[in-house]
């Protein structure tokens, strides 16, 4: 779904007001990203991978969210 710039702006304002006092990144990260993508009319199911396993520079294991979001849009 292609949204106009005005529609994106209309969606962005309530989003920014809702998240202005967010404090716990770990607890709220996924919901934040899902709602952020919704501003642009992008379904998180189409582009998002949460807790994607990665190898860190120190060879330890880690996790990232949305590792390749822009290659899928």
PDB file of N, CA and C in Angstrom:
ATOM      1  N   UNK A   1       0.853  -1.172   0.000  1.00  0.00           N
ATOM      2  CA  UNK A   1       0.000   0.000   0.000  1.00  0.00           C
ATOM      3  C   UNK A   1       0.903   1.241   0.000  1.00  0.00           C
ATOM      4  N   UNK A   2       0.766   2.067  -0.998  1.00  0.00           N
ATOM      5  CA  UNK A   2       1.546   3.288  -1.115  1.00  0.00           C
ATOM      6  C   UNK A   2       0.798   4.427  -0.433  1.00  0.00           C
ATOM      7  N   UNK A   3       1.445   5.051   0.536  1.00  0.00           N
ATOM      8  CA  UNK A   3       0.812   6.135   1.294  1.00  0.00           C
ATOM      9  C   UNK A   3       1.334   7.487   0.841  1.00  0.00           C
ATOM     10  N   UNK A   4       0.487   8.479   0.924  1.00  0.00           N
ATOM     11  CA  UNK A   4       0.915   9.838   0.603  1.00  0.00           C
ATOM     12  C   UNK A   4       1.736  10.389   1.762  1.00  0.00           C
ATOM     13  N   UNK A   5       2.499  11.413   1.480  1.00  0.00           N
ATOM     14  CA  UNK A   5       3.291  12.060   2.526  1.00  0.00           C
ATOM     15  C   UNK A   5       2.382  12.594   3.629  1.00  0.00           C
ATOM     16  N   UNK A   6       1.228  13.128   3.258  1.00  0.00           N
ATOM     17  CA  UNK A   6       0.292  13.630   4.269  1.00  0.00           C
ATOM     18  C   UNK A   6      -0.220  12.508   5.170  1.00  0.00           C
ATOM     19  N   UNK A   7      -0.502  11.336   4.600  1.00  0.00           N
ATOM     20  CA  UNK A   7      -0.966  10.196   5.404  1.00  0.00           C
ATOM     21  C   UNK A   7       0.135   9.724   6.348  1.00  0.00           C
ATOM     22  N   UNK A   8       1.365   9.689   5.869  1.00  0.00           N
ATOM     23  CA  UNK A   8       2.490   9.300   6.728  1.00  0.00           C
ATOM     24  C   UNK A   8       2.632  10.284   7.885  1.00  0.00           C
ATOM     25  N   UNK A   9       2.550  11.560   7.591  1.00  0.00           N
ATOM     26  CA  UNK A   9       2.627  12.578   8.656  1.00  0.00           C
ATOM     27  C   UNK A   9       1.484  12.406   9.661  1.00  0.00           C
ATOM     28  N   UNK A  10       0.288  12.135   9.151  1.00  0.00           N
ATOM     29  CA  UNK A  10      -0.882  11.943  10.010  1.00  0.00           C
ATOM     30  C   UNK A  10      -0.689  10.746  10.945  1.00  0.00           C
ATOM     31  N   UNK A  11      -0.045   9.706  10.459  1.00  0.00           N
ATOM     32  CA  UNK A  11       0.219   8.525  11.278  1.00  0.00           C
ATOM     33  C   UNK A  11       1.397   8.734  12.235  1.00  0.00           C
ATOM     34  N   UNK A  12       2.359   9.534  11.818  1.00  0.00           N
ATOM     35  CA  UNK A  12       3.579   9.715  12.609  1.00  0.00           C
ATOM     36  C   UNK A  12       3.341  10.503  13.898  1.00  0.00           C
ATOM     37  N   UNK A  13       2.480  11.483  13.864  1.00  0.00           N
ATOM     38  CA  UNK A  13       2.261  12.307  15.056  1.00  0.00           C
ATOM     39  C   UNK A  13       1.730  11.493  16.239  1.00  0.00           C
ATOM     40  N   UNK A  14       0.657  10.722  16.092  1.00  0.00           N
ATOM     41  CA  UNK A  14       0.203   9.926  17.236  1.00  0.00           C
ATOM     42  C   UNK A  14       1.250   8.911  17.691  1.00  0.00           C
ATOM     43  N   UNK A  15       1.997   8.357  16.750  1.00  0.00           N
ATOM     44  CA  UNK A  15       3.069   7.423  17.099  1.00  0.00           C
ATOM     45  C   UNK A  15       4.099   8.110  17.992  1.00  0.00           C
ATOM     46  N   UNK A  16       4.545   9.286  17.581  1.00  0.00           N
ATOM     47  CA  UNK A  16       5.566   9.992  18.366  1.00  0.00           C
ATOM     48  C   UNK A  16       5.057  10.374  19.742  1.00  0.00           C
ATOM     49  N   UNK A  17       3.804  10.732  19.842  1.00  0.00           N
ATOM     50  CA  UNK A  17       3.233  11.080  21.147  1.00  0.00           C
ATOM     51  C   UNK A  17       3.104   9.855  22.049  1.00  0.00           C
ATOM     52  N   UNK A  18       2.762   8.729  21.447  1.00  0.00           N
ATOM     53  CA  UNK A  18       2.628   7.501  22.233  1.00  0.00           C
ATOM     54  C   UNK A  18       3.968   7.041  22.801  1.00  0.00           C
ATOM     55  N   UNK A  19       5.043   7.231  22.047  1.00  0.00           N
ATOM     56  CA  UNK A  19       6.342   6.695  22.440  1.00  0.00           C
ATOM     57  C   UNK A  19       7.260   7.714  23.098  1.00  0.00           C
ATOM     58  N   UNK A  20       6.812   8.922  23.312  1.00  0.00           N
ATOM     59  CA  UNK A  20       7.674   9.977  23.856  1.00  0.00           C
ATOM     60  C   UNK A  20       8.251   9.604  25.223  1.00  0.00           C
ATOM     61  N   UNK A  21       7.526   8.847  26.019  1.00  0.00           N
ATOM     62  CA  UNK A  21       7.992   8.495  27.363  1.00  0.00           C
ATOM     63  C   UNK A  21       8.479   7.045  27.475  1.00  0.00           C
ATOM     64  N   UNK A  22       8.756   6.403  26.369  1.00  0.00           N
ATOM     65  CA  UNK A  22       9.205   5.007  26.410  1.00  0.00           C
ATOM     66  C   UNK A  22      10.517   4.920  27.178  1.00  0.00           C
ATOM     67  N   UNK A  23      10.615   3.903  28.035  1.00  0.00           N
ATOM     68  CA  UNK A  23      11.794   3.801  28.890  1.00  0.00           C
ATOM     69  C   UNK A  23      12.511   2.462  28.813  1.00  0.00           C
ATOM     70  N   UNK A  24      11.825   1.393  28.466  1.00  0.00           N
ATOM     71  CA  UNK A  24      12.421   0.072  28.526  1.00  0.00           C
ATOM     72  C   UNK A  24      12.576  -0.505  27.120  1.00  0.00           C
ATOM     73  N   UNK A  25      13.742  -0.301  26.529  1.00  0.00           N
ATOM     74  CA  UNK A  25      13.960  -0.736  25.152  1.00  0.00           C
ATOM     75  C   UNK A  25      13.739  -2.239  24.994  1.00  0.00           C
ATOM     76  N   UNK A  26      14.274  -3.022  25.899  1.00  0.00           N
ATOM     77  CA  UNK A  26      14.172  -4.478  25.769  1.00  0.00           C
ATOM     78  C   UNK A  26      12.718  -4.951  25.771  1.00  0.00           C
ATOM     79  N   UNK A  27      11.909  -4.368  26.624  1.00  0.00           N
ATOM     80  CA  UNK A  27      10.512  -4.795  26.740  1.00  0.00           C
ATOM     81  C   UNK A  27       9.635  -4.245  25.620  1.00  0.00           C
ATOM     82  N   UNK A  28      10.016  -3.114  25.038  1.00  0.00           N
ATOM     83  CA  UNK A  28       9.136  -2.438  24.085  1.00  0.00           C
ATOM     84  C   UNK A  28       9.638  -2.415  22.645  1.00  0.00           C
ATOM     85  N   UNK A  29      10.802  -2.958  22.391  1.00  0.00           N
ATOM     86  CA  UNK A  29      11.430  -2.825  21.068  1.00  0.00           C
ATOM     87  C   UNK A  29      10.576  -3.375  19.934  1.00  0.00           C
ATOM     88  N   UNK A  30      10.064  -4.569  20.091  1.00  0.00           N
ATOM     89  CA  UNK A  30       9.299  -5.171  18.993  1.00  0.00           C
ATOM     90  C   UNK A  30       8.034  -4.382  18.686  1.00  0.00           C
ATOM     91  N   UNK A  31       7.295  -4.013  19.733  1.00  0.00           N
ATOM     92  CA  UNK A  31       6.062  -3.245  19.519  1.00  0.00           C
ATOM     93  C   UNK A  31       6.376  -1.897  18.873  1.00  0.00           C
ATOM     94  N   UNK A  32       7.462  -1.253  19.301  1.00  0.00           N
ATOM     95  CA  UNK A  32       7.886   0.019  18.715  1.00  0.00           C
ATOM     96  C   UNK A  32       8.145  -0.159  17.215  1.00  0.00           C
ATOM     97  N   UNK A  33       8.912  -1.168  16.850  1.00  0.00           N
ATOM     98  CA  UNK A  33       9.254  -1.379  15.449  1.00  0.00           C
ATOM     99  C   UNK A  33       8.029  -1.722  14.609  1.00  0.00           C
ATOM    100  N   UNK A  34       7.132  -2.534  15.154  1.00  0.00           N
ATOM    101  CA  UNK A  34       5.900  -2.879  14.433  1.00  0.00           C
ATOM    102  C   UNK A  34       5.072  -1.624  14.165  1.00  0.00           C
ATOM    103  N   UNK A  35       4.903  -0.792  15.190  1.00  0.00           N
ATOM    104  CA  UNK A  35       4.116   0.440  15.017  1.00  0.00           C
ATOM    105  C   UNK A  35       4.836   1.441  14.116  1.00  0.00           C
ATOM    106  N   UNK A  36       6.164   1.493  14.188  1.00  0.00           N
ATOM    107  CA  UNK A  36       6.931   2.393  13.335  1.00  0.00           C
ATOM    108  C   UNK A  36       6.731   2.018  11.859  1.00  0.00           C
ATOM    109  N   UNK A  37       6.852   0.738  11.543  1.00  0.00           N
ATOM    110  CA  UNK A  37       6.648   0.301  10.163  1.00  0.00           C
ATOM    111  C   UNK A  37       5.238   0.608   9.682  1.00  0.00           C
ATOM    112  N   UNK A  38       4.277   0.506  10.585  1.00  0.00           N
ATOM    113  CA  UNK A  38       2.884   0.782  10.232  1.00  0.00           C
ATOM    114  C   UNK A  38       2.677   2.232   9.788  1.00  0.00           C
ATOM    115  N   UNK A  39       3.477   3.152  10.289  1.00  0.00           N
ATOM    116  CA  UNK A  39       3.390   4.553   9.860  1.00  0.00           C
ATOM    117  C   UNK A  39       3.492   4.633   8.341  1.00  0.00           C
ATOM    118  N   UNK A  40       4.340   3.795   7.768  1.00  0.00           N
ATOM    119  CA  UNK A  40       4.610   3.822   6.331  1.00  0.00           C
ATOM    120  C   UNK A  40       3.783   2.809   5.542  1.00  0.00           C
ATOM    121  N   UNK A  41       2.879   2.126   6.245  1.00  0.00           N
ATOM    122  CA  UNK A  41       2.041   1.137   5.585  1.00  0.00           C
ATOM    123  C   UNK A  41       2.777  -0.150   5.259  1.00  0.00           C
ATOM    124  N   UNK A  42       3.833  -0.440   6.012  1.00  0.00           N
ATOM    125  CA  UNK A  42       4.635  -1.632   5.779  1.00  0.00           C
ATOM    126  C   UNK A  42       4.304  -2.666   6.846  1.00  0.00           C
ATOM    127  N   UNK A  43       3.894  -3.843   6.426  1.00  0.00           N
ATOM    128  CA  UNK A  43       3.576  -4.914   7.351  1.00  0.00           C
ATOM    129  C   UNK A  43       4.860  -5.519   7.901  1.00  0.00           C
ATOM    130  N   UNK A  44       4.944  -5.609   9.217  1.00  0.00           N
ATOM    131  CA  UNK A  44       6.149  -6.200   9.815  1.00  0.00           C
ATOM    132  C   UNK A  44       6.305  -7.659   9.400  1.00  0.00           C
ATOM    133  N   UNK A  45       5.230  -8.329   9.099  1.00  0.00           N
ATOM    134  CA  UNK A  45       5.314  -9.730   8.677  1.00  0.00           C
ATOM    135  C   UNK A  45       5.993  -9.863   7.315  1.00  0.00           C
ATOM    136  N   UNK A  46       5.947  -8.799   6.551  1.00  0.00           N
ATOM    137  CA  UNK A  46       6.575  -8.828   5.229  1.00  0.00           C
ATOM    138  C   UNK A  46       8.073  -8.567   5.294  1.00  0.00           C
ATOM    139  N   UNK A  47       8.511  -7.782   6.268  1.00  0.00           N
ATOM    140  CA  UNK A  47       9.911  -7.338   6.264  1.00  0.00           C
ATOM    141  C   UNK A  47      10.692  -7.625   7.539  1.00  0.00           C
ATOM    142  N   UNK A  48      10.035  -7.979   8.616  1.00  0.00           N
ATOM    143  CA  UNK A  48      10.722  -8.030   9.903  1.00  0.00           C
ATOM    144  C   UNK A  48      11.153  -9.434  10.302  1.00  0.00           C
ATOM    145  N   UNK A  49      12.336  -9.507  10.858  1.00  0.00           N
ATOM    146  CA  UNK A  49      12.824 -10.693  11.537  1.00  0.00           C
ATOM    147  C   UNK A  49      13.272 -10.223  12.918  1.00  0.00           C
ATOM    148  N   UNK A  50      12.694 -10.812  13.947  1.00  0.00           N
ATOM    149  CA  UNK A  50      13.066 -10.443  15.308  1.00  0.00           C
ATOM    150  C   UNK A  50      13.954 -11.523  15.913  1.00  0.00           C
ATOM    151  N   UNK A  51      14.895 -11.081  16.735  1.00  0.00           N
ATOM    152  CA  UNK A  51      15.808 -12.001  17.421  1.00  0.00           C
ATOM    153  C   UNK A  51      16.535 -12.914  16.427  1.00  0.00           C
ATOM    154  N   UNK A  52      17.039 -12.316  15.370  1.00  0.00           N
ATOM    155  CA  UNK A  52      17.804 -13.040  14.356  1.00  0.00           C
ATOM    156  C   UNK A  52      19.199 -13.322  14.913  1.00  0.00           C
ATOM    157  N   UNK A  53      19.605 -14.572  14.938  1.00  0.00           N
ATOM    158  CA  UNK A  53      20.913 -14.936  15.482  1.00  0.00           C
ATOM    159  C   UNK A  53      22.055 -14.445  14.611  1.00  0.00           C
ATOM    160  N   UNK A  54      23.079 -13.871  15.243  1.00  0.00           N
ATOM    161  CA  UNK A  54      24.270 -13.385  14.538  1.00  0.00           C
ATOM    162  C   UNK A  54      25.517 -13.748  15.336  1.00  0.00           C
ATOM    163  N   UNK A  55      26.650 -13.755  14.646  1.00  0.00           N
ATOM    164  CA  UNK A  55      27.939 -13.947  15.292  1.00  0.00           C
ATOM    165  C   UNK A  55      28.537 -12.561  15.519  1.00  0.00           C
ATOM    166  N   UNK A  56      28.872 -12.256  16.761  1.00  0.00           N
ATOM    167  CA  UNK A  56      29.431 -10.945  17.105  1.00  0.00           C
ATOM    168  C   UNK A  56      30.920 -10.887  16.751  1.00  0.00           C
ATOM    169  N   UNK A  57      31.473  -9.681  16.722  1.00  0.00           N
ATOM    170  CA  UNK A  57      32.884  -9.506  16.371  1.00  0.00           C
ATOM    171  C   UNK A  57      33.811 -10.270  17.310  1.00  0.00           C
ATOM    172  N   UNK A  58      33.408 -10.424  18.555  1.00  0.00           N
ATOM    173  CA  UNK A  58      34.237 -11.169  19.509  1.00  0.00           C
ATOM    174  C   UNK A  58      33.985 -12.673  19.431  1.00  0.00           C
ATOM    175  N   UNK A  59      33.280 -13.100  18.363  1.00  0.00           N
ATOM    176  CA  UNK A  59      32.947 -14.501  18.095  1.00  0.00           C
ATOM    177  C   UNK A  59      31.837 -15.050  18.989  1.00  0.00           C
ATOM    178  N   UNK A  60      31.303 -14.232  19.890  1.00  0.00           N
ATOM    179  CA  UNK A  60      30.170 -14.660  20.702  1.00  0.00           C
ATOM    180  C   UNK A  60      28.892 -14.625  19.884  1.00  0.00           C
ATOM    181  N   UNK A  61      27.845 -15.177  20.434  1.00  0.00           N
ATOM    182  CA  UNK A  61      26.544 -15.154  19.776  1.00  0.00           C
ATOM    183  C   UNK A  61      25.749 -13.945  20.225  1.00  0.00           C
ATOM    184  N   UNK A  62      24.952 -13.407  19.329  1.00  0.00           N
ATOM    185  CA  UNK A  62      24.098 -12.273  19.648  1.00  0.00           C
ATOM    186  C   UNK A  62      22.830 -12.333  18.821  1.00  0.00           C
ATOM    187  N   UNK A  63      21.997 -11.316  18.997  1.00  0.00           N
ATOM    188  CA  UNK A  63      20.727 -11.249  18.292  1.00  0.00           C
ATOM    189  C   UNK A  63      20.471  -9.829  17.834  1.00  0.00           C
ATOM    190  N   UNK A  64      19.859  -9.698  16.666  1.00  0.00           N
ATOM    191  CA  UNK A  64      19.458  -8.386  16.168  1.00  0.00           C
ATOM    192  C   UNK A  64      18.028  -8.478  15.650  1.00  0.00           C
ATOM    193  N   UNK A  65      17.371  -7.339  15.581  1.00  0.00           N
ATOM    194  CA  UNK A  65      16.035  -7.240  15.008  1.00  0.00           C
ATOM    195  C   UNK A  65      16.148  -6.552  13.650  1.00  0.00           C
ATOM    196  N   UNK A  66      15.339  -6.979  12.724  1.00  0.00           N
ATOM    197  CA  UNK A  66      15.253  -6.387  11.384  1.00  0.00           C
ATOM    198  C   UNK A  66      16.599  -6.359  10.667  1.00  0.00           C
ATOM    199  N   UNK A  67      17.290  -7.485  10.535  1.00  0.00           N
ATOM    200  CA  UNK A  67      18.626  -7.468   9.949  1.00  0.00           C
ATOM    201  C   UNK A  67      18.674  -7.075   8.481  1.00  0.00           C
ATOM    202  N   UNK A  68      17.625  -7.328   7.733  1.00  0.00           N
ATOM    203  CA  UNK A  68      17.692  -7.013   6.298  1.00  0.00           C
ATOM    204  C   UNK A  68      16.413  -6.340   5.833  1.00  0.00           C
ATOM    205  N   UNK A  69      15.897  -5.456   6.646  1.00  0.00           N
ATOM    206  CA  UNK A  69      14.609  -4.821   6.358  1.00  0.00           C
ATOM    207  C   UNK A  69      14.610  -4.102   5.005  1.00  0.00           C
ATOM    208  N   UNK A  70      15.660  -3.386   4.673  1.00  0.00           N
ATOM    209  CA  UNK A  70      15.610  -2.569   3.478  1.00  0.00           C
ATOM    210  C   UNK A  70      15.795  -3.374   2.196  1.00  0.00           C
ATOM    211  N   UNK A  71      16.311  -4.564   2.296  1.00  0.00           N
ATOM    212  CA  UNK A  71      16.429  -5.383   1.089  1.00  0.00           C
ATOM    213  C   UNK A  71      15.114  -6.059   0.742  1.00  0.00           C
ATOM    214  N   UNK A  72      14.136  -6.045   1.681  1.00  0.00           N
ATOM    215  CA  UNK A  72      12.866  -6.726   1.448  1.00  0.00           C
ATOM    216  C   UNK A  72      11.733  -5.768   1.090  1.00  0.00           C
ATOM    217  N   UNK A  73      11.899  -4.474   1.298  1.00  0.00           N
ATOM    218  CA  UNK A  73      10.805  -3.524   1.080  1.00  0.00           C
ATOM    219  C   UNK A  73      10.570  -3.342  -0.396  1.00  0.00           C
TER     220      UNK A  73
END
